[in-house]
Amino acid sequence: TKDGKNIIYAVYKDEVPSIWAQPVRPSGVPAAPPKRIASFPAETRVWAATISPDGKQILYSSGRDVTDAVLISHFH
């Protein structure tokens, strides 16, 4: 985060994406548990995310993995 108090990262567990914040602590201080700050519908891919400068909003781009397969046979 901009204030340096947290590290933001994405987690995909059971096909469900979420964004977590891990508090940063000085050396020798016990680690604080991470906190989920956003979650998204299952099977959605979060391509990129960022936190607003004031830390109150998350901007993200998302979508679904879509693939098409075409079989071409007897091509002359």
N, C-alpha and C. Protein backbone atom coordinates (compact mmCIF):
# COMPACT_ATOMS: atom_id res chain seq x y z
N THR A 1 0.84 -1.18 0.00
CA THR A 1 0.00 0.00 0.00
C THR A 1 0.89 1.24 0.00
N LYS A 2 0.30 2.34 -0.35
CA LYS A 2 1.07 3.57 -0.48
C LYS A 2 1.76 3.97 0.84
N ASP A 3 1.09 3.68 1.95
CA ASP A 3 1.68 4.04 3.25
C ASP A 3 2.74 3.04 3.73
N GLY A 4 2.92 1.93 2.99
CA GLY A 4 3.92 0.94 3.34
C GLY A 4 3.55 0.03 4.49
N LYS A 5 2.30 0.08 4.93
CA LYS A 5 1.89 -0.72 6.08
C LYS A 5 1.40 -2.12 5.70
N ASN A 6 1.08 -2.34 4.42
CA ASN A 6 0.56 -3.63 3.97
C ASN A 6 1.14 -4.00 2.62
N ILE A 7 1.21 -5.29 2.38
CA ILE A 7 1.52 -5.82 1.05
C ILE A 7 0.22 -6.41 0.53
N ILE A 8 -0.17 -6.05 -0.67
CA ILE A 8 -1.41 -6.52 -1.28
C ILE A 8 -1.07 -7.64 -2.27
N TYR A 9 -1.84 -8.73 -2.23
CA TYR A 9 -1.60 -9.84 -3.15
C TYR A 9 -2.90 -10.57 -3.46
N ALA A 10 -2.90 -11.28 -4.57
CA ALA A 10 -4.08 -12.03 -5.01
C ALA A 10 -3.92 -13.50 -4.64
N VAL A 11 -5.05 -14.13 -4.31
CA VAL A 11 -5.07 -15.56 -4.00
C VAL A 11 -6.20 -16.19 -4.81
N TYR A 12 -5.90 -17.34 -5.44
CA TYR A 12 -6.91 -18.14 -6.12
C TYR A 12 -7.02 -19.45 -5.36
N LYS A 13 -8.13 -19.65 -4.68
CA LYS A 13 -8.35 -20.88 -3.92
C LYS A 13 -9.69 -21.46 -4.35
N ASP A 14 -9.67 -22.71 -4.80
CA ASP A 14 -10.88 -23.38 -5.28
C ASP A 14 -11.57 -22.58 -6.38
N GLU A 15 -10.76 -22.00 -7.29
CA GLU A 15 -11.26 -21.21 -8.43
C GLU A 15 -11.94 -19.90 -8.03
N VAL A 16 -11.79 -19.48 -6.77
CA VAL A 16 -12.38 -18.22 -6.31
C VAL A 16 -11.26 -17.23 -6.05
N PRO A 17 -11.23 -16.12 -6.80
CA PRO A 17 -10.18 -15.12 -6.59
C PRO A 17 -10.51 -14.17 -5.44
N SER A 18 -9.48 -13.75 -4.74
CA SER A 18 -9.65 -12.75 -3.69
C SER A 18 -8.36 -11.95 -3.57
N ILE A 19 -8.47 -10.79 -2.96
CA ILE A 19 -7.31 -9.92 -2.74
C ILE A 19 -7.13 -9.78 -1.23
N TRP A 20 -5.88 -9.97 -0.79
CA TRP A 20 -5.55 -9.96 0.62
C TRP A 20 -4.53 -8.87 0.93
N ALA A 21 -4.54 -8.40 2.17
CA ALA A 21 -3.55 -7.44 2.65
C ALA A 21 -2.79 -8.09 3.80
N GLN A 22 -1.48 -8.11 3.70
CA GLN A 22 -0.62 -8.65 4.76
C GLN A 22 0.09 -7.48 5.44
N PRO A 23 -0.22 -7.24 6.72
CA PRO A 23 0.48 -6.16 7.43
C PRO A 23 1.98 -6.40 7.48
N VAL A 24 2.74 -5.34 7.32
CA VAL A 24 4.20 -5.39 7.38
C VAL A 24 4.60 -4.97 8.80
N ARG A 25 5.42 -5.79 9.43
CA ARG A 25 5.86 -5.51 10.79
C ARG A 25 7.37 -5.41 10.83
N PRO A 26 7.90 -4.63 11.78
CA PRO A 26 9.35 -4.57 11.92
C PRO A 26 9.91 -5.92 12.36
N SER A 27 11.17 -6.11 12.12
CA SER A 27 11.84 -7.33 12.53
C SER A 27 11.72 -7.51 14.04
N GLY A 28 11.40 -8.74 14.46
CA GLY A 28 11.27 -9.03 15.88
C GLY A 28 9.86 -8.88 16.41
N VAL A 29 8.97 -8.26 15.65
CA VAL A 29 7.58 -8.10 16.07
C VAL A 29 6.78 -9.26 15.48
N PRO A 30 5.93 -9.93 16.26
CA PRO A 30 5.15 -11.05 15.73
C PRO A 30 4.31 -10.62 14.52
N ALA A 31 4.24 -11.52 13.55
CA ALA A 31 3.48 -11.23 12.33
C ALA A 31 1.98 -11.18 12.61
N ALA A 32 1.31 -10.24 11.98
CA ALA A 32 -0.15 -10.14 12.08
C ALA A 32 -0.76 -10.99 10.98
N PRO A 33 -1.96 -11.53 11.21
CA PRO A 33 -2.57 -12.34 10.16
C PRO A 33 -3.02 -11.50 8.97
N PRO A 34 -3.02 -12.09 7.76
CA PRO A 34 -3.51 -11.34 6.60
C PRO A 34 -5.02 -11.13 6.70
N LYS A 35 -5.50 -10.14 5.95
CA LYS A 35 -6.93 -9.81 5.96
C LYS A 35 -7.43 -9.79 4.51
N ARG A 36 -8.54 -10.50 4.23
CA ARG A 36 -9.13 -10.45 2.89
C ARG A 36 -9.83 -9.11 2.74
N ILE A 37 -9.49 -8.39 1.66
CA ILE A 37 -10.09 -7.08 1.45
C ILE A 37 -11.06 -7.07 0.27
N ALA A 38 -11.04 -8.11 -0.56
CA ALA A 38 -11.99 -8.20 -1.68
C ALA A 38 -12.08 -9.64 -2.14
N SER A 39 -13.27 -10.03 -2.57
CA SER A 39 -13.44 -11.35 -3.19
C SER A 39 -14.31 -11.18 -4.42
N PHE A 40 -14.21 -12.12 -5.33
CA PHE A 40 -14.87 -12.01 -6.62
C PHE A 40 -15.64 -13.29 -6.92
N PRO A 41 -16.55 -13.25 -7.89
CA PRO A 41 -17.30 -14.46 -8.23
C PRO A 41 -16.37 -15.59 -8.70
N ALA A 42 -16.79 -16.81 -8.44
CA ALA A 42 -16.01 -17.97 -8.86
C ALA A 42 -15.79 -17.96 -10.36
N GLU A 43 -14.67 -18.50 -10.78
CA GLU A 43 -14.28 -18.63 -12.19
C GLU A 43 -14.05 -17.29 -12.89
N THR A 44 -13.91 -16.22 -12.13
CA THR A 44 -13.54 -14.92 -12.68
C THR A 44 -12.04 -14.78 -12.53
N ARG A 45 -11.38 -14.29 -13.54
CA ARG A 45 -9.95 -14.03 -13.47
C ARG A 45 -9.74 -12.54 -13.21
N VAL A 46 -8.95 -12.23 -12.22
CA VAL A 46 -8.57 -10.85 -11.96
C VAL A 46 -7.23 -10.65 -12.66
N TRP A 47 -7.24 -9.87 -13.72
CA TRP A 47 -6.03 -9.68 -14.53
C TRP A 47 -5.06 -8.71 -13.85
N ALA A 48 -5.58 -7.67 -13.24
CA ALA A 48 -4.73 -6.68 -12.58
C ALA A 48 -5.57 -5.96 -11.54
N ALA A 49 -4.92 -5.47 -10.49
CA ALA A 49 -5.62 -4.72 -9.45
C ALA A 49 -4.68 -3.70 -8.86
N THR A 50 -5.25 -2.60 -8.39
CA THR A 50 -4.47 -1.57 -7.71
C THR A 50 -5.37 -0.88 -6.68
N ILE A 51 -4.76 -0.30 -5.70
CA ILE A 51 -5.47 0.40 -4.64
C ILE A 51 -5.42 1.90 -4.94
N SER A 52 -6.53 2.60 -4.70
CA SER A 52 -6.55 4.05 -4.92
C SER A 52 -5.57 4.73 -3.96
N PRO A 53 -5.10 5.93 -4.31
CA PRO A 53 -4.13 6.61 -3.45
C PRO A 53 -4.60 6.82 -2.01
N ASP A 54 -5.91 7.01 -1.82
CA ASP A 54 -6.41 7.19 -0.45
C ASP A 54 -6.68 5.86 0.26
N GLY A 55 -6.51 4.73 -0.45
CA GLY A 55 -6.69 3.41 0.14
C GLY A 55 -8.12 2.98 0.34
N LYS A 56 -9.07 3.71 -0.21
CA LYS A 56 -10.48 3.41 0.03
C LYS A 56 -11.15 2.63 -1.10
N GLN A 57 -10.50 2.53 -2.25
CA GLN A 57 -11.10 1.85 -3.39
C GLN A 57 -10.09 0.92 -4.05
N ILE A 58 -10.63 -0.12 -4.70
CA ILE A 58 -9.80 -1.03 -5.47
C ILE A 58 -10.24 -0.95 -6.92
N LEU A 59 -9.30 -0.73 -7.80
CA LEU A 59 -9.57 -0.74 -9.23
C LEU A 59 -9.02 -2.05 -9.77
N TYR A 60 -9.85 -2.77 -10.52
CA TYR A 60 -9.38 -4.05 -11.05
C TYR A 60 -9.97 -4.30 -12.42
N SER A 61 -9.26 -5.12 -13.18
CA SER A 61 -9.78 -5.59 -14.45
C SER A 61 -9.96 -7.09 -14.32
N SER A 62 -11.08 -7.58 -14.82
CA SER A 62 -11.36 -9.01 -14.68
C SER A 62 -12.05 -9.52 -15.94
N GLY A 63 -12.13 -10.82 -16.03
CA GLY A 63 -12.79 -11.45 -17.17
C GLY A 63 -12.82 -12.94 -16.97
N ARG A 64 -13.11 -13.64 -18.01
CA ARG A 64 -13.15 -15.10 -17.97
C ARG A 64 -12.21 -15.65 -19.02
N ASP A 65 -11.64 -16.80 -18.72
CA ASP A 65 -10.81 -17.48 -19.70
C ASP A 65 -11.75 -18.10 -20.74
N VAL A 66 -11.57 -17.71 -21.98
CA VAL A 66 -12.40 -18.25 -23.05
C VAL A 66 -11.47 -18.76 -24.14
N THR A 67 -11.70 -19.96 -24.58
CA THR A 67 -10.90 -20.51 -25.67
C THR A 67 -11.83 -21.12 -26.70
N ASP A 68 -11.42 -21.04 -27.93
CA ASP A 68 -12.14 -21.65 -29.03
C ASP A 68 -11.18 -22.59 -29.73
N ALA A 69 -11.71 -23.71 -30.15
CA ALA A 69 -10.92 -24.67 -30.91
C ALA A 69 -11.64 -24.93 -32.25
N VAL A 70 -10.88 -24.95 -33.30
CA VAL A 70 -11.44 -25.20 -34.64
C VAL A 70 -10.65 -26.33 -35.27
N LEU A 71 -11.35 -27.32 -35.76
CA LEU A 71 -10.72 -28.43 -36.45
C LEU A 71 -10.90 -28.22 -37.94
N ILE A 72 -9.78 -28.13 -38.65
CA ILE A 72 -9.81 -28.02 -40.11
C ILE A 72 -9.29 -29.32 -40.66
N SER A 73 -10.13 -29.98 -41.44
CA SER A 73 -9.70 -31.27 -42.02
C SER A 73 -9.96 -31.25 -43.52
N HIS A 74 -9.30 -32.14 -44.22
CA HIS A 74 -9.43 -32.26 -45.67
C HIS A 74 -9.11 -30.94 -46.36
N PHE A 75 -8.10 -30.26 -45.84
CA PHE A 75 -7.67 -28.99 -46.43
C PHE A 75 -6.83 -29.27 -47.66
N HIS A 76 -7.16 -28.63 -48.77
CA HIS A 76 -6.42 -28.84 -50.03
C HIS A 76 -5.79 -27.56 -50.49
